[in-house]
Amino acid sequence: MTTVRSILKDCGIRPCKSLGQSFLEDTNVINKIIAAVNVNDHDIVVEIGAGLGIMTEILARQAGRLIAIDVDPRMTDILRGRLKDLPHVEIVEKDFLKCDLSEFLSDCEPSKLKVVGNIPYNISTQILFHLLRFRQHIISMELMFQKEVVDRIVASPGTKEYGIPSVIIAMFAIPTREMNVPASCFYPQPKVVSSVLKLVIREKPLVDLEDEKYFFKIVRMAFSMRRKTILNNLRSSDLLLSSNQEIATLLKQAGIESQRRGETLSPEEFGRLSNVLYAARIAKP
């Protein structure tokens, strides 16, 4: 039986700590993830960090096309050997953060990607926001993160875990925790519990944003000093608002009480607030 440990032993490879390599080896968890991705022969699947190709091989036999990405040349050599008889599989040796996902659809009829991956925990946030930049090309994502990261993404307003990722991701996607995965399911074992997160990309954002970059700025500003009220955070920001009265008026226009803290605002409220402040900014002489 082909296993993570047998492949590593046969190839004389040791996992690389600097790349965050920790290979999922629990067959039950692998099968649950694949079932949740729900791949058919019309789908284009992108796998981030394909590694030794155990999940890749199963996905490849279900998908119409599969792009397996890994930055480690040792892994891509193994993938080419294991998947050489599958012409619809493309092996990409590249840092995922430098990948332009739109290029994988350039020669296809209108379609979208399904993304799956065991994300290196040391760059998980960067990868997630990189994916969101290409969300118009993605239908869904099934991703493994450190549990605490998923706790923050699925958190509700008013909880200590609720923050910038909670708001921004909810604006553009519907997040669901599929399962928690103990460290014993990996080799080598990480020092943390993991979670599988499903993200279904919304057809349109929760709020029709006037300016997405400005929305990001407002969200980051609101969480920069969590203990301050939203009014005080706006007052101490660089948004060029002239007075407390002006800020209070704009908050009222957005349907938000001045004394609330940013951590209590829902993603929809952040969207409305961003649009009101952006309009006020544009109106200034």
Foldseek 3Di string as FASTA:
>chain_A
DDFPVVVCVVLVHDDDVVQLDKAQTDPVVLVVLLVVLVAAQDAEEEEEQCFQPPSVVVNLVGYVAYEYEEQDPSRLVNVCVVCVVRVRYHYHNDDLLPDDVVVVCPPDDDDAHEYEYAHRAVCVVSNVVSCVVVCVRHFKYKYKYFPLVLCLCCDAFPDPSDALNVQVLLQFWDKDWPDKAAQVSIVPGDPTIMTIMMTGTDPHTPAPAPDVVLLSVLRCLLVVPQVAFSLVSVVPDPLPDDDSVSSCVLCVVLVHHRRHGSSRDHSSSSRSSSRSSVVVSVPDD
